[in-house]
N, C-alpha and C. Protein backbone atom coordinates (compact mmCIF):
# COMPACT_ATOMS: atom_id res chain seq x y z
N MET A 1 -27.96 -2.69 -19.98
CA MET A 1 -28.51 -2.90 -18.66
C MET A 1 -29.35 -1.69 -18.25
N GLN A 2 -30.27 -1.95 -17.36
CA GLN A 2 -31.09 -0.87 -16.86
C GLN A 2 -30.31 -0.07 -15.83
N PRO A 3 -30.68 1.18 -15.65
CA PRO A 3 -29.94 2.01 -14.70
C PRO A 3 -29.89 1.46 -13.28
N LYS A 4 -31.00 0.89 -12.79
CA LYS A 4 -31.00 0.34 -11.44
C LYS A 4 -30.02 -0.82 -11.31
N GLU A 5 -30.01 -1.68 -12.29
CA GLU A 5 -29.09 -2.83 -12.25
C GLU A 5 -27.65 -2.37 -12.37
N GLU A 6 -27.41 -1.35 -13.15
CA GLU A 6 -26.06 -0.82 -13.30
C GLU A 6 -25.57 -0.23 -11.97
N VAL A 7 -26.45 0.47 -11.29
CA VAL A 7 -26.10 1.05 -9.99
C VAL A 7 -25.82 -0.07 -8.99
N LYS A 8 -26.61 -1.13 -9.02
CA LYS A 8 -26.39 -2.27 -8.12
C LYS A 8 -25.05 -2.93 -8.39
N GLN A 9 -24.73 -3.09 -9.67
CA GLN A 9 -23.45 -3.71 -10.03
C GLN A 9 -22.27 -2.85 -9.57
N ARG A 10 -22.39 -1.55 -9.75
CA ARG A 10 -21.33 -0.65 -9.30
C ARG A 10 -21.18 -0.68 -7.79
N LEU A 11 -22.30 -0.76 -7.09
CA LEU A 11 -22.28 -0.84 -5.63
C LEU A 11 -21.62 -2.14 -5.18
N LEU A 12 -21.93 -3.25 -5.83
CA LEU A 12 -21.31 -4.53 -5.48
C LEU A 12 -19.81 -4.51 -5.74
N ARG A 13 -19.39 -3.92 -6.86
CA ARG A 13 -17.96 -3.81 -7.15
C ARG A 13 -17.25 -2.94 -6.11
N ALA A 14 -17.90 -1.86 -5.72
CA ALA A 14 -17.30 -0.98 -4.71
C ALA A 14 -17.18 -1.70 -3.36
N LYS A 15 -18.21 -2.44 -2.98
CA LYS A 15 -18.16 -3.19 -1.72
C LYS A 15 -17.06 -4.25 -1.76
N LYS A 16 -16.93 -4.90 -2.90
CA LYS A 16 -15.89 -5.92 -3.05
C LYS A 16 -14.50 -5.30 -2.93
N HIS A 17 -14.31 -4.15 -3.55
CA HIS A 17 -13.02 -3.47 -3.49
C HIS A 17 -12.70 -3.02 -2.07
N VAL A 18 -13.69 -2.49 -1.37
CA VAL A 18 -13.48 -2.06 0.02
C VAL A 18 -13.14 -3.26 0.89
N ARG A 19 -13.80 -4.37 0.67
CA ARG A 19 -13.53 -5.58 1.46
C ARG A 19 -12.10 -6.07 1.19
N ARG A 20 -11.69 -6.06 -0.07
CA ARG A 20 -10.32 -6.49 -0.40
C ARG A 20 -9.29 -5.57 0.24
N SER A 21 -9.55 -4.27 0.21
CA SER A 21 -8.63 -3.31 0.83
C SER A 21 -8.55 -3.53 2.33
N LYS A 22 -9.69 -3.75 2.96
CA LYS A 22 -9.74 -3.98 4.41
C LYS A 22 -8.95 -5.24 4.78
N LEU A 23 -9.14 -6.31 4.01
CA LEU A 23 -8.40 -7.55 4.29
C LEU A 23 -6.90 -7.35 4.09
N PHE A 24 -6.52 -6.56 3.08
CA PHE A 24 -5.09 -6.29 2.89
C PHE A 24 -4.51 -5.55 4.08
N TYR A 25 -5.21 -4.53 4.57
CA TYR A 25 -4.69 -3.77 5.70
C TYR A 25 -4.59 -4.62 6.96
N ILE A 26 -5.52 -5.54 7.17
CA ILE A 26 -5.43 -6.46 8.30
C ILE A 26 -4.22 -7.38 8.12
N HIS A 27 -4.05 -7.89 6.91
CA HIS A 27 -2.91 -8.75 6.59
C HIS A 27 -1.60 -7.99 6.82
N PHE A 28 -1.54 -6.74 6.38
CA PHE A 28 -0.33 -5.93 6.53
C PHE A 28 -0.02 -5.63 8.00
N ALA A 29 -1.06 -5.37 8.81
CA ALA A 29 -0.84 -5.13 10.24
C ALA A 29 -0.28 -6.38 10.91
N GLY A 30 -0.83 -7.55 10.58
CA GLY A 30 -0.30 -8.80 11.12
C GLY A 30 1.13 -9.04 10.68
N TYR A 31 1.42 -8.70 9.44
CA TYR A 31 2.77 -8.84 8.90
C TYR A 31 3.76 -7.98 9.69
N LEU A 32 3.39 -6.73 9.96
CA LEU A 32 4.28 -5.83 10.70
C LEU A 32 4.54 -6.34 12.11
N ILE A 33 3.52 -6.87 12.75
CA ILE A 33 3.68 -7.41 14.11
C ILE A 33 4.61 -8.61 14.09
N VAL A 34 4.40 -9.53 13.17
CA VAL A 34 5.23 -10.73 13.10
C VAL A 34 6.67 -10.38 12.71
N VAL A 35 6.85 -9.45 11.82
CA VAL A 35 8.21 -9.03 11.43
C VAL A 35 8.93 -8.46 12.65
N ALA A 36 8.24 -7.63 13.42
CA ALA A 36 8.87 -7.07 14.62
C ALA A 36 9.27 -8.18 15.59
N LEU A 37 8.40 -9.16 15.79
CA LEU A 37 8.72 -10.27 16.69
C LEU A 37 9.86 -11.13 16.16
N LEU A 38 9.88 -11.38 14.86
CA LEU A 38 10.96 -12.18 14.29
C LEU A 38 12.30 -11.45 14.35
N LEU A 39 12.28 -10.16 14.12
CA LEU A 39 13.52 -9.40 14.22
C LEU A 39 14.04 -9.38 15.66
N TYR A 40 13.12 -9.27 16.62
CA TYR A 40 13.53 -9.35 18.02
C TYR A 40 14.09 -10.73 18.33
N ASN A 41 13.48 -11.75 17.78
CA ASN A 41 13.96 -13.12 17.98
C ASN A 41 15.36 -13.28 17.39
N LEU A 42 15.61 -12.70 16.24
CA LEU A 42 16.95 -12.76 15.65
C LEU A 42 17.97 -12.07 16.55
N TYR A 43 17.53 -11.04 17.26
CA TYR A 43 18.43 -10.29 18.13
C TYR A 43 18.80 -11.08 19.39
N ILE A 44 17.85 -11.85 19.92
CA ILE A 44 18.09 -12.51 21.21
C ILE A 44 18.47 -13.99 21.09
N VAL A 45 18.47 -14.55 19.90
CA VAL A 45 18.68 -15.99 19.75
C VAL A 45 20.10 -16.38 20.18
N GLU A 46 20.18 -17.48 20.92
CA GLU A 46 21.45 -18.03 21.37
C GLU A 46 21.28 -19.54 21.45
N GLY A 47 22.37 -20.23 21.59
CA GLY A 47 22.31 -21.66 21.83
C GLY A 47 22.77 -22.49 20.65
N ALA A 48 22.55 -23.80 20.82
CA ALA A 48 23.04 -24.76 19.85
C ALA A 48 22.29 -24.69 18.52
N TYR A 49 21.05 -24.30 18.55
CA TYR A 49 20.23 -24.28 17.34
C TYR A 49 20.13 -22.88 16.74
N LYS A 50 21.10 -22.05 17.00
CA LYS A 50 21.07 -20.66 16.55
C LYS A 50 20.96 -20.54 15.03
N ASN A 51 21.77 -21.30 14.30
CA ASN A 51 21.75 -21.21 12.83
C ASN A 51 20.42 -21.69 12.25
N THR A 52 19.85 -22.72 12.83
CA THR A 52 18.56 -23.24 12.36
C THR A 52 17.46 -22.22 12.60
N ILE A 53 17.45 -21.61 13.77
CA ILE A 53 16.43 -20.63 14.09
C ILE A 53 16.56 -19.40 13.20
N ILE A 54 17.78 -18.96 12.97
CA ILE A 54 18.00 -17.79 12.11
C ILE A 54 17.54 -18.08 10.69
N SER A 55 17.89 -19.24 10.17
CA SER A 55 17.48 -19.56 8.79
C SER A 55 15.97 -19.70 8.68
N LEU A 56 15.33 -20.26 9.69
CA LEU A 56 13.87 -20.38 9.69
C LEU A 56 13.22 -19.00 9.73
N ASN A 57 13.71 -18.14 10.61
CA ASN A 57 13.15 -16.79 10.72
C ASN A 57 13.33 -16.01 9.42
N LEU A 58 14.50 -16.10 8.82
CA LEU A 58 14.74 -15.37 7.57
C LEU A 58 13.89 -15.90 6.43
N SER A 59 13.70 -17.22 6.38
CA SER A 59 12.85 -17.77 5.32
C SER A 59 11.41 -17.33 5.50
N VAL A 60 10.92 -17.26 6.74
CA VAL A 60 9.57 -16.76 6.99
C VAL A 60 9.46 -15.30 6.57
N LEU A 61 10.46 -14.50 6.91
CA LEU A 61 10.45 -13.09 6.52
C LEU A 61 10.41 -12.91 5.00
N VAL A 62 11.23 -13.65 4.31
CA VAL A 62 11.29 -13.51 2.85
C VAL A 62 9.99 -13.98 2.20
N LEU A 63 9.51 -15.14 2.60
CA LEU A 63 8.30 -15.68 1.98
C LEU A 63 7.07 -14.80 2.27
N TRP A 64 6.97 -14.33 3.51
CA TRP A 64 5.81 -13.50 3.84
C TRP A 64 5.90 -12.13 3.16
N THR A 65 7.11 -11.63 2.99
CA THR A 65 7.27 -10.37 2.27
C THR A 65 6.83 -10.53 0.81
N VAL A 66 7.18 -11.62 0.20
CA VAL A 66 6.73 -11.88 -1.17
C VAL A 66 5.21 -12.00 -1.21
N ALA A 67 4.63 -12.68 -0.22
CA ALA A 67 3.17 -12.84 -0.18
C ALA A 67 2.47 -11.50 0.00
N ILE A 68 3.01 -10.64 0.86
CA ILE A 68 2.36 -9.34 1.09
C ILE A 68 2.48 -8.45 -0.14
N VAL A 69 3.60 -8.54 -0.85
CA VAL A 69 3.76 -7.75 -2.08
C VAL A 69 2.77 -8.22 -3.15
N LEU A 70 2.61 -9.53 -3.29
CA LEU A 70 1.64 -10.06 -4.25
C LEU A 70 0.22 -9.67 -3.87
N HIS A 71 -0.09 -9.73 -2.58
CA HIS A 71 -1.43 -9.34 -2.12
C HIS A 71 -1.68 -7.86 -2.41
N ALA A 72 -0.68 -7.02 -2.15
CA ALA A 72 -0.83 -5.59 -2.42
C ALA A 72 -1.01 -5.34 -3.91
N TRP A 73 -0.27 -6.06 -4.73
CA TRP A 73 -0.41 -5.88 -6.17
C TRP A 73 -1.81 -6.26 -6.64
N ARG A 74 -2.36 -7.35 -6.11
CA ARG A 74 -3.71 -7.76 -6.50
C ARG A 74 -4.75 -6.74 -6.09
N VAL A 75 -4.58 -6.14 -4.91
CA VAL A 75 -5.57 -5.19 -4.41
C VAL A 75 -5.45 -3.84 -5.10
N PHE A 76 -4.22 -3.36 -5.28
CA PHE A 76 -4.03 -1.99 -5.75
C PHE A 76 -3.55 -1.88 -7.19
N LYS A 77 -3.65 -2.94 -7.98
CA LYS A 77 -3.14 -2.90 -9.34
C LYS A 77 -3.90 -1.91 -10.22
N GLU A 78 -5.13 -1.62 -9.89
CA GLU A 78 -5.91 -0.70 -10.70
C GLU A 78 -5.62 0.76 -10.36
N ARG A 79 -5.08 0.99 -9.18
CA ARG A 79 -4.79 2.37 -8.76
C ARG A 79 -3.43 2.79 -9.29
N LYS A 80 -3.38 4.02 -9.69
CA LYS A 80 -2.11 4.60 -10.10
C LYS A 80 -1.81 5.72 -9.13
N VAL A 81 -0.56 5.83 -8.75
CA VAL A 81 -0.18 6.85 -7.79
C VAL A 81 -0.31 8.24 -8.42
N PHE A 82 0.20 8.38 -9.62
CA PHE A 82 0.18 9.68 -10.28
C PHE A 82 -0.75 9.61 -11.50
N ARG A 83 -2.02 9.80 -11.25
CA ARG A 83 -2.98 9.79 -12.34
C ARG A 83 -2.83 11.07 -13.15
N LYS A 84 -3.39 11.02 -14.35
CA LYS A 84 -3.29 12.18 -15.24
C LYS A 84 -3.99 13.38 -14.62
N SER A 85 -5.12 13.16 -13.98
CA SER A 85 -5.83 14.29 -13.36
C SER A 85 -5.00 14.90 -12.24
N TRP A 86 -4.28 14.08 -11.48
CA TRP A 86 -3.43 14.59 -10.41
C TRP A 86 -2.31 15.45 -10.98
N VAL A 87 -1.70 14.97 -12.05
CA VAL A 87 -0.61 15.72 -12.68
C VAL A 87 -1.13 17.06 -13.18
N GLU A 88 -2.28 17.05 -13.81
CA GLU A 88 -2.84 18.30 -14.33
C GLU A 88 -3.16 19.28 -13.21
N LYS A 89 -3.68 18.78 -12.09
CA LYS A 89 -3.96 19.65 -10.95
C LYS A 89 -2.69 20.26 -10.38
N LYS A 90 -1.64 19.48 -10.28
CA LYS A 90 -0.37 19.98 -9.76
C LYS A 90 0.22 21.05 -10.68
N ILE A 91 0.16 20.81 -11.97
CA ILE A 91 0.67 21.79 -12.93
C ILE A 91 -0.11 23.09 -12.80
N ALA A 92 -1.43 22.98 -12.69
CA ALA A 92 -2.26 24.17 -12.56
C ALA A 92 -1.94 24.91 -11.26
N SER A 93 -1.73 24.19 -10.18
CA SER A 93 -1.43 24.86 -8.91
C SER A 93 -0.07 25.56 -8.96
N TYR A 94 0.93 24.94 -9.59
CA TYR A 94 2.23 25.59 -9.71
C TYR A 94 2.16 26.84 -10.60
N LEU A 95 1.40 26.74 -11.68
CA LEU A 95 1.24 27.90 -12.55
C LEU A 95 0.54 29.03 -11.81
N GLU A 96 -0.44 28.68 -10.99
CA GLU A 96 -1.16 29.68 -10.21
C GLU A 96 -0.23 30.33 -9.18
N LYS A 97 0.61 29.54 -8.54
CA LYS A 97 1.56 30.08 -7.57
C LYS A 97 2.54 31.03 -8.24
N GLU A 98 3.03 30.65 -9.40
CA GLU A 98 3.96 31.51 -10.13
C GLU A 98 3.29 32.83 -10.51
N GLU A 99 2.05 32.77 -10.93
CA GLU A 99 1.33 33.97 -11.32
C GLU A 99 1.13 34.89 -10.13
N VAL A 100 0.80 34.32 -8.98
CA VAL A 100 0.61 35.11 -7.77
C VAL A 100 1.94 35.73 -7.33
N GLU A 101 3.02 34.97 -7.40
CA GLU A 101 4.33 35.49 -7.02
C GLU A 101 4.80 36.59 -7.96
N GLU A 102 4.50 36.47 -9.23
CA GLU A 102 4.90 37.50 -10.19
C GLU A 102 4.16 38.81 -9.93
N THR A 103 2.91 38.73 -9.53
CA THR A 103 2.17 39.97 -9.26
C THR A 103 2.61 40.62 -7.97
N LYS A 104 3.21 39.88 -7.05
CA LYS A 104 3.66 40.43 -5.77
C LYS A 104 5.07 41.04 -5.87
N MET A 105 5.77 40.76 -6.93
CA MET A 105 7.15 41.24 -7.06
C MET A 105 7.19 42.77 -7.19
N TRP A 106 8.23 43.35 -6.62
CA TRP A 106 8.46 44.80 -6.77
C TRP A 106 9.04 45.05 -8.13
N GLU A 107 8.65 46.12 -8.71
CA GLU A 107 9.19 46.44 -10.02
C GLU A 107 10.23 47.51 -9.94
């Protein structure tokens, strides 16, 4: 591919990834709000239909939790929390700290 087309393709992939991340965060915010409301509903529920309401609320919580986990996996499956470069940077920073501490020690 030509360099211009390659840059366009990379830009489109980046825009797509940002859009997917944005939609996930909106989905997650809605999930947190609904979970808070359902938990409050579980706290205040009374009456003849108490067991039905509790089972409905719990099933919604479980199913939506599974959906949000699957959505997160689809969006963030390419990201790794501890990349090799991160590990190498941390090792270097610890070694640097040790070296600085050793030079400050009294002999």
